[in-house]
Amino acid sequence: MQKASNWWKKEDYARKLPRLRMRRRIMQAVRQTFDDMGFDEVETPVLQTSPGLEPHLHAFSTDLYGPDLEKTGTAWLHTSPEFAMKKLLVAGVPKIYQIARVFRNAEDSSLHSPEFTMLEWYRAGADYREVMDDCVTLFRSVARAIECQALRYRDLTCDPFADWEMITLDQAFETYAGFALAPYLEDRTAFAARIREEEIRVAEDDSWKDLFFRVFLERIEPRLGIGRPTIIYNYPRSMAALSRICPDDPRYAERFELYVCGMELANAFGELTDPEEQLRRFEADMDLKERLYGKRYPIDPDFIDALRAGMPEASGSALGIDRFVMLLTGADHIEDVLWSPVRISL
């Protein structure tokens, strides 16, 4: 028998109710912002052929049955509506957004819930810098709508109306970690040696990405978005499976992340449209997932066919709505802004 979670106790719930009512106003303001920019709000199915193929994300699955109750297949709860939304770009809808419930297993912390709300939007014919501008517009528009002067997380604050910090990942390493990343993009051994000089722990079996995240999470991420929002852009091509390669420097890809008060809010790409390259990257990611976790997820053949039919050049972003609400209301825990939290225990 499962243990009761008792999140519904009246005396406790009363303390979070003002934030939940503010959440409704925030959602209204988000929709109004995108409507004013000429986007179509879309809805795509939660059940998908493929849940999303990032190697370190873990999905929920369910069996599908026909009318005779014979199993007909397996469906996945999407970890992002990305694949379905990009099919809409192929279908000719040029500016779209969606506020979607998404599902990621093995995620439960003050900033994570296995079921959460994601805002995702795409612009056909747009450079990823236009999506950066969308982020600025969204934050300022919503803050004005609810009369919020500063975003807050614990003892940190951030002014969305200040000039945003826009830096490349290389610049972030030089500014916050004290050394450039570029010389170590292809050399794991030299990268490990340089990190040891910074007195950051290195394990013998660390991959290049493991080393990257040791530096990024310890020295860089906690210092991003303090006082003003930070957009950090142009990631190594190996860390951007769904994005275009930068035309002026093929070592990097058109990816950016948005940080506020040391918290990652959004992940965005200048979208990859080459079907064969996308298929190759998906297969490589699933090979990695199988090595790490002993499983792989199916690749959606309809998505690859859509790319082959001709997806327009596009850029898009995914933003965590629950974290956005946390920052706008000063909440410390994601459950403080969820009407009903996911609490399941044995």
Protein backbone atom coordinates (compact mmCIF):
# COMPACT_ATOMS: atom_id res chain seq x y z
CA MET A 1 0.00 0.00 0.00
CA GLN A 2 1.32 3.44 -0.92
CA LYS A 3 1.98 5.96 1.83
CA ALA A 4 -0.19 9.07 1.96
CA SER A 5 1.57 12.28 0.93
CA ASN A 6 -0.88 14.64 2.68
CA TRP A 7 0.07 17.64 0.50
CA TRP A 8 -3.58 18.75 0.68
CA LYS A 9 -3.57 19.73 4.37
CA LYS A 10 -5.52 22.98 4.53
CA GLU A 11 -3.16 24.85 6.87
CA ASP A 12 -0.17 24.11 4.62
CA TYR A 13 -1.98 24.69 1.34
CA ALA A 14 -3.18 28.14 2.40
CA ARG A 15 0.43 29.36 2.41
CA LYS A 16 1.01 28.46 -1.24
CA LEU A 17 -2.39 29.49 -2.61
CA PRO A 18 -1.37 33.10 -3.43
CA ARG A 19 1.47 31.80 -5.63
CA LEU A 20 -0.88 29.40 -7.39
CA ARG A 21 -3.30 32.21 -8.16
CA MET A 22 -0.38 34.23 -9.47
CA ARG A 23 0.55 31.23 -11.64
CA ARG A 24 -2.77 31.63 -13.47
CA ARG A 25 -2.01 35.29 -14.20
CA ILE A 26 1.48 34.36 -15.41
CA MET A 27 0.07 31.75 -17.80
CA GLN A 28 -2.38 34.31 -19.18
CA ALA A 29 0.47 36.78 -19.71
CA VAL A 30 2.63 34.16 -21.47
CA ARG A 31 -0.17 33.39 -23.89
CA GLN A 32 -0.88 37.07 -24.48
CA THR A 33 2.79 37.73 -25.25
CA PHE A 34 2.96 35.04 -27.93
CA ASP A 35 -0.43 35.96 -29.32
CA ASP A 36 0.74 39.57 -29.66
CA MET A 37 3.84 38.35 -31.54
CA GLY A 38 1.63 36.52 -34.06
CA PHE A 39 2.22 32.94 -32.96
CA ASP A 40 -0.36 30.16 -33.23
CA GLU A 41 -0.91 28.19 -30.04
CA VAL A 42 -0.90 24.47 -30.89
CA GLU A 43 -1.60 21.22 -29.08
CA THR A 44 0.17 17.98 -29.92
CA PRO A 45 -0.32 14.50 -28.42
CA VAL A 46 1.41 13.52 -25.21
CA LEU A 47 1.63 9.93 -26.48
CA GLN A 48 4.35 9.58 -29.09
CA THR A 49 6.28 6.93 -31.04
CA SER A 50 9.50 8.29 -29.57
CA PRO A 51 9.72 10.12 -26.23
CA GLY A 52 12.75 12.26 -27.00
CA LEU A 53 16.29 11.00 -27.50
CA GLU A 54 18.58 12.91 -25.16
CA PRO A 55 20.77 10.11 -23.71
CA HIS A 56 20.39 11.09 -20.06
CA LEU A 57 16.61 11.58 -20.03
CA HIS A 58 14.43 8.70 -18.86
CA ALA A 59 10.91 8.33 -20.22
CA PHE A 60 7.62 6.73 -19.18
CA SER A 61 6.04 4.16 -21.48
CA THR A 62 2.64 2.51 -21.78
CA ASP A 63 1.18 -0.41 -23.74
CA LEU A 64 -1.36 0.26 -26.49
CA TYR A 65 -4.29 -2.14 -27.01
CA GLY A 66 -6.79 -2.66 -29.78
CA PRO A 67 -10.54 -3.12 -29.29
CA ASP A 68 -10.00 -6.83 -28.64
CA LEU A 69 -7.52 -5.97 -25.83
CA GLU A 70 -4.59 -7.39 -27.75
CA LYS A 71 -1.42 -5.37 -27.42
CA THR A 72 -0.77 -3.36 -30.58
CA GLY A 73 2.36 -1.48 -29.57
CA THR A 74 4.15 0.76 -27.11
CA ALA A 75 3.71 4.49 -26.75
CA TRP A 76 5.80 6.96 -24.79
CA LEU A 77 4.87 10.02 -22.77
CA HIS A 78 6.86 12.75 -24.45
CA THR A 79 9.78 14.40 -22.65
CA SER A 80 9.23 17.38 -24.97
CA PRO A 81 6.71 18.18 -27.74
CA GLU A 82 9.62 18.99 -30.07
CA PHE A 83 9.24 16.30 -32.73
CA ALA A 84 5.52 16.85 -33.19
CA MET A 85 5.91 20.63 -33.32
CA LYS A 86 8.63 20.44 -35.95
CA LYS A 87 6.28 18.36 -38.09
CA LEU A 88 3.90 21.32 -37.94
CA LEU A 89 6.68 23.53 -39.32
CA VAL A 90 7.01 21.09 -42.22
CA ALA A 91 3.22 21.27 -42.65
CA GLY A 92 3.52 25.01 -43.21
CA VAL A 93 2.66 26.61 -39.86
CA PRO A 94 5.45 29.22 -39.46
CA LYS A 95 5.23 30.52 -35.86
CA ILE A 96 3.99 28.18 -33.16
CA TYR A 97 4.02 27.82 -29.40
CA GLN A 98 2.70 25.26 -26.94
CA ILE A 99 2.30 25.03 -23.19
CA ALA A 100 2.59 21.29 -22.68
CA ARG A 101 2.65 18.78 -19.86
CA VAL A 102 5.84 16.75 -20.23
CA PHE A 103 7.19 13.73 -18.38
CA ARG A 104 10.69 12.76 -17.30
CA ASN A 105 11.36 9.81 -15.02
CA ALA A 106 14.10 9.77 -12.36
CA GLU A 107 13.72 13.53 -11.77
CA ASP A 108 12.67 14.72 -8.31
CA SER A 109 14.24 17.66 -6.50
CA SER A 110 13.53 21.25 -5.52
CA LEU A 111 13.80 22.17 -9.22
CA HIS A 112 12.52 18.96 -10.83
CA SER A 113 9.24 17.07 -10.99
CA PRO A 114 8.59 13.92 -13.04
CA GLU A 115 5.59 15.74 -14.57
CA PHE A 116 5.99 19.42 -15.31
CA THR A 117 4.94 22.20 -17.69
CA MET A 118 7.04 23.29 -20.64
CA LEU A 119 6.66 26.26 -22.94
CA GLU A 120 8.07 25.48 -26.37
CA TRP A 121 8.07 27.74 -29.42
CA TYR A 122 9.47 27.78 -32.97
CA ARG A 123 9.99 30.38 -35.69
CA ALA A 124 10.37 29.27 -39.30
CA GLY A 125 12.91 31.28 -41.29
CA ALA A 126 14.45 32.70 -38.11
CA ASP A 127 17.96 32.90 -36.71
CA TYR A 128 18.46 31.73 -33.13
CA ARG A 129 19.23 35.32 -32.13
CA GLU A 130 15.58 36.14 -32.85
CA VAL A 131 14.64 33.54 -30.24
CA MET A 132 16.99 35.26 -27.80
CA ASP A 133 14.97 38.43 -28.45
CA ASP A 134 11.78 36.44 -27.78
CA CYS A 135 13.14 35.52 -24.36
CA VAL A 136 13.77 39.16 -23.48
CA THR A 137 10.31 40.15 -24.69
CA LEU A 138 8.64 37.31 -22.80
CA PHE A 139 10.33 38.00 -19.46
CA ARG A 140 9.70 41.73 -19.56
CA SER A 141 6.14 41.41 -20.81
CA VAL A 142 5.13 38.90 -18.14
CA ALA A 143 6.92 40.82 -15.37
CA ARG A 144 5.06 43.98 -16.35
CA ALA A 145 1.74 42.14 -16.51
CA ILE A 146 2.02 40.92 -12.92
CA GLU A 147 3.90 44.01 -11.66
CA CYS A 148 7.03 42.06 -10.74
CA GLN A 149 10.16 44.21 -10.43
CA ALA A 150 12.70 41.46 -9.68
CA LEU A 151 13.02 37.72 -10.17
CA ARG A 152 14.03 35.87 -7.01
CA TYR A 153 15.42 32.51 -5.99
CA ARG A 154 16.42 32.06 -2.37
CA ASP A 155 18.82 34.91 -1.58
CA LEU A 156 19.47 35.82 -5.23
CA THR A 157 17.73 38.47 -7.35
CA CYS A 158 17.68 39.34 -11.03
CA ASP A 159 16.28 42.36 -12.89
CA PRO A 160 14.61 41.32 -16.18
CA PHE A 161 14.56 44.98 -17.30
CA ALA A 162 18.35 45.40 -17.06
CA ASP A 163 20.59 44.87 -20.07
CA TRP A 164 20.93 41.10 -20.41
CA GLU A 165 24.34 39.43 -20.32
CA MET A 166 24.97 37.76 -23.69
CA ILE A 167 28.15 35.68 -23.70
CA THR A 168 29.54 32.73 -25.60
CA LEU A 169 30.40 29.56 -23.74
CA ASP A 170 34.09 30.29 -24.39
CA GLN A 171 33.70 33.72 -22.80
CA ALA A 172 31.92 32.16 -19.81
CA PHE A 173 34.83 29.77 -19.24
CA GLU A 174 37.35 32.59 -19.42
CA THR A 175 35.30 34.91 -17.18
CA TYR A 176 34.06 32.47 -14.53
CA ALA A 177 36.39 29.44 -14.68
CA GLY A 178 39.59 31.35 -15.41
CA PHE A 179 40.63 29.54 -18.58
CA ALA A 180 39.50 29.16 -22.19
CA LEU A 181 37.61 26.06 -23.31
CA ALA A 182 38.59 26.20 -27.00
CA PRO A 183 42.07 24.61 -26.66
CA TYR A 184 40.57 21.51 -25.05
CA LEU A 185 37.61 20.74 -27.35
CA GLU A 186 39.34 17.74 -28.90
CA ASP A 187 41.76 16.75 -26.14
CA ARG A 188 40.30 15.01 -23.11
CA THR A 189 43.72 14.36 -21.52
CA ALA A 190 44.81 18.00 -21.68
CA PHE A 191 41.37 19.10 -20.46
CA ALA A 192 41.64 16.82 -17.42
CA ALA A 193 45.11 18.13 -16.63
CA ARG A 194 43.91 21.74 -16.85
CA ILE A 195 40.97 21.04 -14.56
CA ARG A 196 43.25 19.44 -11.97
CA GLU A 197 45.22 22.70 -11.94
CA GLU A 198 41.98 24.36 -10.82
CA GLU A 199 41.73 21.83 -7.97
CA ILE A 200 38.53 20.34 -9.37
CA ARG A 201 38.17 16.60 -8.87
CA VAL A 202 38.79 14.42 -11.92
CA ALA A 203 38.04 10.69 -12.10
CA GLU A 204 39.99 8.40 -14.41
CA ASP A 205 36.85 7.24 -16.20
CA ASP A 206 35.42 10.75 -16.73
CA SER A 207 34.42 11.39 -20.31
CA TRP A 208 35.05 14.77 -21.94
CA LYS A 209 31.46 15.77 -21.15
CA ASP A 210 31.88 14.69 -17.53
CA LEU A 211 34.87 17.00 -17.28
CA PHE A 212 32.93 19.83 -18.90
CA PHE A 213 30.09 19.56 -16.41
CA ARG A 214 32.45 19.36 -13.43
CA VAL A 215 33.75 22.82 -14.36
CA PHE A 216 30.46 24.23 -15.57
CA LEU A 217 28.36 23.19 -12.58
CA GLU A 218 30.97 24.16 -9.98
CA ARG A 219 32.49 27.35 -11.37
CA ILE A 220 30.14 28.79 -13.99
CA GLU A 221 26.45 27.97 -13.56
CA PRO A 222 26.08 29.35 -9.99
CA ARG A 223 27.34 32.75 -11.26
CA LEU A 224 24.99 33.10 -14.22
CA GLY A 225 21.94 35.32 -14.18
CA ILE A 226 22.89 37.14 -10.99
CA GLY A 227 21.55 40.70 -11.07
CA ARG A 228 20.52 40.35 -14.70
CA PRO A 229 19.55 37.41 -16.94
CA THR A 230 22.33 35.60 -18.80
CA ILE A 231 22.15 34.00 -22.22
CA ILE A 232 25.12 31.74 -22.86
CA TYR A 233 25.48 30.61 -26.48
CA ASN A 234 27.50 28.58 -28.99
CA TYR A 235 28.09 25.19 -27.38
CA PRO A 236 30.52 22.53 -28.64
CA ARG A 237 28.94 20.64 -31.51
CA SER A 238 29.06 17.42 -29.49
CA MET A 239 26.64 18.97 -26.97
CA ALA A 240 23.90 20.08 -29.36
CA ALA A 241 22.32 17.05 -31.03
CA LEU A 242 19.38 18.94 -32.55
CA SER A 243 21.10 22.16 -33.63
CA ARG A 244 22.83 23.55 -36.68
CA ILE A 245 26.60 23.88 -36.78
CA CYS A 246 27.82 27.49 -36.56
CA PRO A 247 28.72 28.52 -40.12
CA ASP A 248 31.67 30.67 -38.98
CA ASP A 249 33.19 28.05 -36.65
CA PRO A 250 32.26 24.37 -37.16
CA ARG A 251 33.59 23.45 -33.72
CA TYR A 252 30.44 24.96 -32.25
CA ALA A 253 26.68 24.67 -32.70
CA GLU A 254 23.84 27.20 -32.57
CA ARG A 255 22.61 26.44 -29.08
CA PHE A 256 21.92 28.79 -26.19
CA GLU A 257 20.74 28.47 -22.61
CA LEU A 258 19.06 31.10 -20.45
CA TYR A 259 19.98 31.47 -16.78
CA VAL A 260 18.36 33.47 -13.98
CA CYS A 261 19.66 33.42 -10.38
CA GLY A 262 21.94 30.50 -11.22
CA MET A 263 18.97 28.48 -12.51
CA GLU A 264 18.67 27.18 -16.07
CA LEU A 265 15.35 28.30 -17.56
CA ALA A 266 15.52 27.65 -21.29
CA ASN A 267 17.42 25.63 -23.88
CA ALA A 268 17.30 26.76 -27.51
CA PHE A 269 18.64 25.85 -30.93
CA GLY A 270 19.10 27.04 -34.42
CA GLU A 271 17.41 23.86 -35.61
CA LEU A 272 19.12 21.10 -37.54
CA THR A 273 17.17 20.32 -40.74
CA ASP A 274 19.45 17.76 -42.44
CA PRO A 275 17.60 14.41 -42.10
CA GLU A 276 20.60 12.13 -42.58
CA GLU A 277 22.75 14.05 -40.13
CA GLN A 278 19.88 14.08 -37.63
CA LEU A 279 19.41 10.32 -37.99
CA ARG A 280 23.15 9.77 -37.49
CA ARG A 281 23.13 11.85 -34.31
CA PHE A 282 20.05 10.06 -32.96
CA GLU A 283 21.65 6.67 -33.51
CA ALA A 284 24.87 7.81 -31.83
CA ASP A 285 22.88 9.11 -28.84
CA MET A 286 20.99 5.85 -28.50
CA ASP A 287 24.26 3.90 -28.71
CA LEU A 288 25.52 6.01 -25.81
CA LYS A 289 22.29 5.50 -23.86
CA GLU A 290 22.58 1.76 -24.29
CA ARG A 291 26.18 1.78 -23.05
CA LEU A 292 25.29 3.89 -20.02
CA TYR A 293 21.85 2.57 -19.06
CA GLY A 294 21.34 -0.66 -20.98
CA LYS A 295 18.38 0.59 -23.00
CA ARG A 296 17.54 2.63 -26.07
CA TYR A 297 14.41 4.40 -27.30
CA PRO A 298 12.92 4.12 -30.79
CA ILE A 299 13.63 6.81 -33.36
CA ASP A 300 10.43 8.27 -34.83
CA PRO A 301 10.59 7.41 -38.56
CA ASP A 302 7.81 9.92 -39.29
CA PHE A 303 9.99 12.72 -37.92
CA ILE A 304 12.89 11.73 -40.19
CA ASP A 305 10.46 11.52 -43.14
CA ALA A 306 9.21 15.02 -42.28
CA LEU A 307 12.78 16.35 -42.37
CA ARG A 308 13.29 14.65 -45.71
CA ALA A 309 10.13 16.31 -47.02
CA GLY A 310 11.73 19.66 -46.19
CA MET A 311 11.67 21.33 -42.81
CA PRO A 312 12.25 25.08 -43.23
CA GLU A 313 15.19 26.77 -41.59
CA ALA A 314 13.98 27.51 -38.07
CA SER A 315 14.93 28.26 -34.51
CA GLY A 316 13.15 27.34 -31.30
CA SER A 317 13.32 27.16 -27.53
CA ALA A 318 11.96 25.17 -24.60
CA LEU A 319 11.40 26.96 -21.28
CA GLY A 320 10.39 25.46 -17.95
CA ILE A 321 7.17 27.19 -16.91
CA ASP A 322 7.25 25.97 -13.31
CA ARG A 323 10.74 27.40 -12.76
CA PHE A 324 9.61 30.64 -14.43
CA VAL A 325 6.72 30.87 -11.97
CA MET A 326 9.10 30.13 -9.09
CA LEU A 327 11.29 33.07 -10.04
CA LEU A 328 8.36 35.43 -10.56
CA THR A 329 6.81 34.55 -7.20
CA GLY A 330 9.95 34.01 -5.12
CA ALA A 331 9.27 30.31 -4.44
CA ASP A 332 12.09 28.07 -3.19
CA HIS A 333 10.68 24.70 -4.27
CA ILE A 334 8.90 23.59 -7.44
CA GLU A 335 6.06 22.09 -5.39
CA ASP A 336 5.27 25.60 -4.13
CA VAL A 337 3.97 26.49 -7.60
CA LEU A 338 2.23 23.19 -8.50
CA TRP A 339 -1.49 22.90 -7.75
CA SER A 340 -1.03 19.20 -7.03
CA PRO A 341 2.47 17.74 -6.74
CA VAL A 342 3.51 14.30 -7.99
CA ARG A 343 4.22 12.28 -4.86
CA ILE A 344 4.24 8.53 -5.27
CA SER A 345 6.05 6.29 -2.80
CA LEU A 346 5.99 2.59 -2.00
